[in-house]
Amino acid sequence: MRYLLAYLGSGLTMGVLDAIWLTLMAPRLYQPAIGELMAARPNMRAAVAFYLIYVFGVVVVAVLPALREGSALRAAGMGAVLGLVAYATST
């Protein structure tokens, strides 16, 4: 049950934060820079698959180790490492 709650909580948090980011930044940042490359509508199958897999990675790499140690700092640090690795591959 603990793992399921960690997964659902992480997924909900990531979903809300990403929705806010995309709503605010897509028109300001992405559209002017890469507008011609953007699809008219998002591919929802691909988005769902990505989020299911990515949230799994966040839980395994950052959330569960932090829960075991009882350390929010551990979650933040490992989450930062995962973000660095993930976003470094997109450049």
N, C-alpha and C. Protein backbone atom coordinates (compact mmCIF):
# COMPACT_ATOMS: atom_id res chain seq x y z
N MET A 1 0.83 -1.20 0.00
CA MET A 1 0.00 0.00 0.00
C MET A 1 0.87 1.26 0.00
N ARG A 2 1.99 1.19 0.72
CA ARG A 2 2.89 2.35 0.79
C ARG A 2 3.43 2.71 -0.59
N TYR A 3 3.77 1.69 -1.38
CA TYR A 3 4.30 1.92 -2.72
C TYR A 3 3.24 2.51 -3.64
N LEU A 4 2.03 2.01 -3.52
CA LEU A 4 0.92 2.53 -4.34
C LEU A 4 0.65 4.00 -4.00
N LEU A 5 0.63 4.32 -2.72
CA LEU A 5 0.42 5.71 -2.31
C LEU A 5 1.56 6.61 -2.78
N ALA A 6 2.79 6.10 -2.73
CA ALA A 6 3.94 6.87 -3.21
C ALA A 6 3.80 7.13 -4.70
N TYR A 7 3.36 6.13 -5.45
CA TYR A 7 3.19 6.26 -6.90
C TYR A 7 2.07 7.25 -7.22
N LEU A 8 0.94 7.07 -6.58
CA LEU A 8 -0.21 7.95 -6.85
C LEU A 8 0.07 9.40 -6.43
N GLY A 9 0.68 9.56 -5.27
CA GLY A 9 1.01 10.91 -4.82
C GLY A 9 2.01 11.60 -5.73
N SER A 10 3.01 10.85 -6.14
CA SER A 10 4.02 11.41 -7.05
C SER A 10 3.39 11.74 -8.41
N GLY A 11 2.55 10.85 -8.89
CA GLY A 11 1.89 11.08 -10.17
C GLY A 11 0.98 12.30 -10.15
N LEU A 12 0.23 12.43 -9.08
CA LEU A 12 -0.66 13.58 -8.94
C LEU A 12 0.14 14.88 -8.86
N THR A 13 1.18 14.87 -8.06
CA THR A 13 2.02 16.06 -7.92
C THR A 13 2.65 16.43 -9.26
N MET A 14 3.22 15.46 -9.93
CA MET A 14 3.86 15.72 -11.22
C MET A 14 2.84 16.20 -12.25
N GLY A 15 1.67 15.59 -12.25
CA GLY A 15 0.63 15.98 -13.21
C GLY A 15 0.18 17.42 -13.02
N VAL A 16 -0.04 17.81 -11.78
CA VAL A 16 -0.48 19.18 -11.48
C VAL A 16 0.60 20.19 -11.86
N LEU A 17 1.84 19.92 -11.42
CA LEU A 17 2.94 20.85 -11.72
C LEU A 17 3.20 20.94 -13.22
N ASP A 18 3.14 19.82 -13.92
CA ASP A 18 3.38 19.85 -15.36
C ASP A 18 2.24 20.55 -16.10
N ALA A 19 1.02 20.37 -15.65
CA ALA A 19 -0.11 21.06 -16.28
C ALA A 19 0.03 22.57 -16.13
N ILE A 20 0.44 23.00 -14.94
CA ILE A 20 0.65 24.44 -14.72
C ILE A 20 1.78 24.94 -15.62
N TRP A 21 2.89 24.21 -15.63
CA TRP A 21 4.04 24.61 -16.46
C TRP A 21 3.65 24.70 -17.93
N LEU A 22 3.01 23.67 -18.45
CA LEU A 22 2.68 23.65 -19.88
C LEU A 22 1.64 24.71 -20.22
N THR A 23 0.70 24.95 -19.33
CA THR A 23 -0.32 25.97 -19.58
C THR A 23 0.30 27.37 -19.63
N LEU A 24 1.23 27.63 -18.72
CA LEU A 24 1.83 28.96 -18.66
C LEU A 24 2.97 29.14 -19.66
N MET A 25 3.76 28.11 -19.88
CA MET A 25 4.98 28.28 -20.65
C MET A 25 4.89 27.87 -22.12
N ALA A 26 4.00 26.98 -22.47
CA ALA A 26 3.92 26.57 -23.88
C ALA A 26 3.69 27.76 -24.81
N PRO A 27 2.72 28.63 -24.51
CA PRO A 27 2.52 29.76 -25.41
C PRO A 27 3.67 30.78 -25.38
N ARG A 28 4.34 30.90 -24.25
CA ARG A 28 5.40 31.90 -24.10
C ARG A 28 6.78 31.42 -24.53
N LEU A 29 7.08 30.17 -24.26
CA LEU A 29 8.43 29.66 -24.47
C LEU A 29 8.49 28.69 -25.66
N TYR A 30 7.66 27.68 -25.64
CA TYR A 30 7.76 26.64 -26.66
C TYR A 30 7.22 27.08 -28.01
N GLN A 31 6.07 27.72 -28.04
CA GLN A 31 5.45 28.12 -29.31
C GLN A 31 6.36 29.05 -30.12
N PRO A 32 6.92 30.11 -29.54
CA PRO A 32 7.80 30.97 -30.32
C PRO A 32 9.09 30.27 -30.77
N ALA A 33 9.61 29.36 -29.94
CA ALA A 33 10.89 28.74 -30.25
C ALA A 33 10.77 27.56 -31.22
N ILE A 34 9.76 26.72 -31.03
CA ILE A 34 9.66 25.51 -31.85
C ILE A 34 8.24 25.29 -32.37
N GLY A 35 7.50 26.36 -32.54
CA GLY A 35 6.10 26.26 -32.94
C GLY A 35 5.85 25.40 -34.14
N GLU A 36 6.73 25.50 -35.15
CA GLU A 36 6.53 24.73 -36.38
C GLU A 36 6.74 23.23 -36.16
N LEU A 37 7.40 22.85 -35.08
CA LEU A 37 7.64 21.44 -34.78
C LEU A 37 6.56 20.84 -33.89
N MET A 38 5.76 21.70 -33.27
CA MET A 38 4.74 21.22 -32.33
C MET A 38 3.52 20.69 -33.08
N ALA A 39 2.98 19.61 -32.55
CA ALA A 39 1.75 19.05 -33.11
C ALA A 39 0.58 19.96 -32.74
N ALA A 40 -0.46 19.92 -33.55
CA ALA A 40 -1.65 20.72 -33.26
C ALA A 40 -2.30 20.27 -31.96
N ARG A 41 -2.27 18.96 -31.73
CA ARG A 41 -2.82 18.39 -30.50
C ARG A 41 -1.80 17.41 -29.93
N PRO A 42 -1.72 17.33 -28.60
CA PRO A 42 -0.77 16.38 -28.02
C PRO A 42 -1.19 14.94 -28.28
N ASN A 43 -0.22 14.06 -28.38
CA ASN A 43 -0.48 12.63 -28.52
C ASN A 43 -0.72 12.07 -27.12
N MET A 44 -1.97 11.88 -26.78
CA MET A 44 -2.33 11.51 -25.41
C MET A 44 -1.85 10.10 -25.05
N ARG A 45 -1.82 9.17 -25.99
CA ARG A 45 -1.29 7.83 -25.70
C ARG A 45 0.17 7.91 -25.30
N ALA A 46 0.93 8.65 -26.07
CA ALA A 46 2.35 8.81 -25.76
C ALA A 46 2.53 9.54 -24.43
N ALA A 47 1.72 10.55 -24.17
CA ALA A 47 1.82 11.30 -22.91
C ALA A 47 1.53 10.41 -21.71
N VAL A 48 0.48 9.61 -21.79
CA VAL A 48 0.12 8.71 -20.69
C VAL A 48 1.23 7.69 -20.47
N ALA A 49 1.74 7.10 -21.56
CA ALA A 49 2.84 6.13 -21.43
C ALA A 49 4.06 6.78 -20.79
N PHE A 50 4.41 7.98 -21.23
CA PHE A 50 5.55 8.68 -20.66
C PHE A 50 5.36 8.90 -19.17
N TYR A 51 4.23 9.45 -18.77
CA TYR A 51 4.01 9.76 -17.36
C TYR A 51 4.00 8.51 -16.48
N LEU A 52 3.40 7.44 -16.95
CA LEU A 52 3.40 6.19 -16.17
C LEU A 52 4.83 5.72 -15.93
N ILE A 53 5.65 5.75 -16.97
CA ILE A 53 7.04 5.30 -16.85
C ILE A 53 7.87 6.28 -16.03
N TYR A 54 7.72 7.57 -16.30
CA TYR A 54 8.55 8.57 -15.61
C TYR A 54 8.23 8.64 -14.12
N VAL A 55 6.96 8.57 -13.78
CA VAL A 55 6.58 8.58 -12.36
C VAL A 55 7.14 7.33 -11.67
N PHE A 56 7.14 6.20 -12.35
CA PHE A 56 7.75 5.00 -11.80
C PHE A 56 9.22 5.26 -11.48
N GLY A 57 9.93 5.89 -12.40
CA GLY A 57 11.34 6.21 -12.18
C GLY A 57 11.53 7.15 -11.00
N VAL A 58 10.69 8.16 -10.89
CA VAL A 58 10.78 9.11 -9.77
C VAL A 58 10.56 8.39 -8.45
N VAL A 59 9.60 7.51 -8.41
CA VAL A 59 9.30 6.78 -7.17
C VAL A 59 10.47 5.87 -6.80
N VAL A 60 10.98 5.12 -7.77
CA VAL A 60 12.06 4.17 -7.47
C VAL A 60 13.36 4.88 -7.10
N VAL A 61 13.70 5.94 -7.82
CA VAL A 61 14.99 6.60 -7.63
C VAL A 61 14.97 7.61 -6.49
N ALA A 62 13.87 8.30 -6.27
CA ALA A 62 13.86 9.40 -5.29
C ALA A 62 12.93 9.16 -4.11
N VAL A 63 11.70 8.80 -4.37
CA VAL A 63 10.70 8.76 -3.29
C VAL A 63 10.93 7.60 -2.33
N LEU A 64 11.09 6.38 -2.85
CA LEU A 64 11.24 5.23 -1.95
C LEU A 64 12.51 5.30 -1.10
N PRO A 65 13.67 5.66 -1.68
CA PRO A 65 14.84 5.82 -0.82
C PRO A 65 14.63 6.88 0.27
N ALA A 66 13.95 7.95 -0.08
CA ALA A 66 13.69 9.01 0.91
C ALA A 66 12.73 8.53 1.99
N LEU A 67 11.74 7.73 1.61
CA LEU A 67 10.82 7.18 2.62
C LEU A 67 11.55 6.24 3.56
N ARG A 68 12.44 5.40 3.01
CA ARG A 68 13.20 4.47 3.84
C ARG A 68 14.07 5.21 4.86
N GLU A 69 14.65 6.32 4.43
CA GLU A 69 15.53 7.09 5.30
C GLU A 69 14.79 8.16 6.11
N GLY A 70 13.56 8.43 5.74
CA GLY A 70 12.80 9.48 6.42
C GLY A 70 13.38 10.85 6.16
N SER A 71 13.82 11.09 4.92
CA SER A 71 14.54 12.33 4.61
C SER A 71 13.98 13.01 3.35
N ALA A 72 13.37 14.15 3.55
CA ALA A 72 12.91 14.94 2.40
C ALA A 72 14.09 15.46 1.59
N LEU A 73 15.19 15.73 2.27
CA LEU A 73 16.40 16.18 1.58
C LEU A 73 16.91 15.11 0.61
N ARG A 74 16.80 13.86 1.01
CA ARG A 74 17.20 12.75 0.14
C ARG A 74 16.31 12.72 -1.10
N ALA A 75 15.02 12.91 -0.93
CA ALA A 75 14.10 12.93 -2.08
C ALA A 75 14.45 14.07 -3.03
N ALA A 76 14.71 15.24 -2.48
CA ALA A 76 15.05 16.40 -3.32
C ALA A 76 16.37 16.16 -4.06
N GLY A 77 17.35 15.63 -3.37
CA GLY A 77 18.64 15.38 -3.99
C GLY A 77 18.58 14.35 -5.09
N MET A 78 17.93 13.23 -4.81
CA MET A 78 17.83 12.16 -5.82
C MET A 78 16.90 12.58 -6.96
N GLY A 79 15.88 13.35 -6.65
CA GLY A 79 15.02 13.88 -7.72
C GLY A 79 15.78 14.82 -8.63
N ALA A 80 16.66 15.61 -8.04
CA ALA A 80 17.49 16.52 -8.84
C ALA A 80 18.44 15.74 -9.75
N VAL A 81 19.01 14.67 -9.22
CA VAL A 81 19.90 13.83 -10.04
C VAL A 81 19.12 13.22 -11.20
N LEU A 82 17.95 12.68 -10.92
CA LEU A 82 17.12 12.10 -11.98
C LEU A 82 16.76 13.16 -13.02
N GLY A 83 16.39 14.35 -12.58
CA GLY A 83 16.06 15.43 -13.51
C GLY A 83 17.24 15.83 -14.36
N LEU A 84 18.41 15.91 -13.76
CA LEU A 84 19.61 16.24 -14.51
C LEU A 84 19.87 15.21 -15.61
N VAL A 85 19.81 13.96 -15.26
CA VAL A 85 20.07 12.90 -16.23
C VAL A 85 18.99 12.90 -17.32
N ALA A 86 17.74 13.02 -16.93
CA ALA A 86 16.65 12.99 -17.90
C ALA A 86 16.70 14.16 -18.87
N TYR A 87 16.89 15.34 -18.36
CA TYR A 87 16.86 16.51 -19.22
C TYR A 87 18.16 16.73 -19.97
N ALA A 88 19.26 16.15 -19.49
CA ALA A 88 20.52 16.24 -20.23
C ALA A 88 20.44 15.44 -21.52
N THR A 89 19.59 14.43 -21.55
CA THR A 89 19.46 13.61 -22.76
C THR A 89 18.66 14.31 -23.85
N SER A 90 17.93 15.36 -23.50
CA SER A 90 17.07 16.02 -24.49
C SER A 90 17.76 17.19 -25.18
N THR A 91 19.00 17.47 -24.84
CA THR A 91 19.66 18.61 -25.47
C THR A 91 20.56 18.20 -26.60
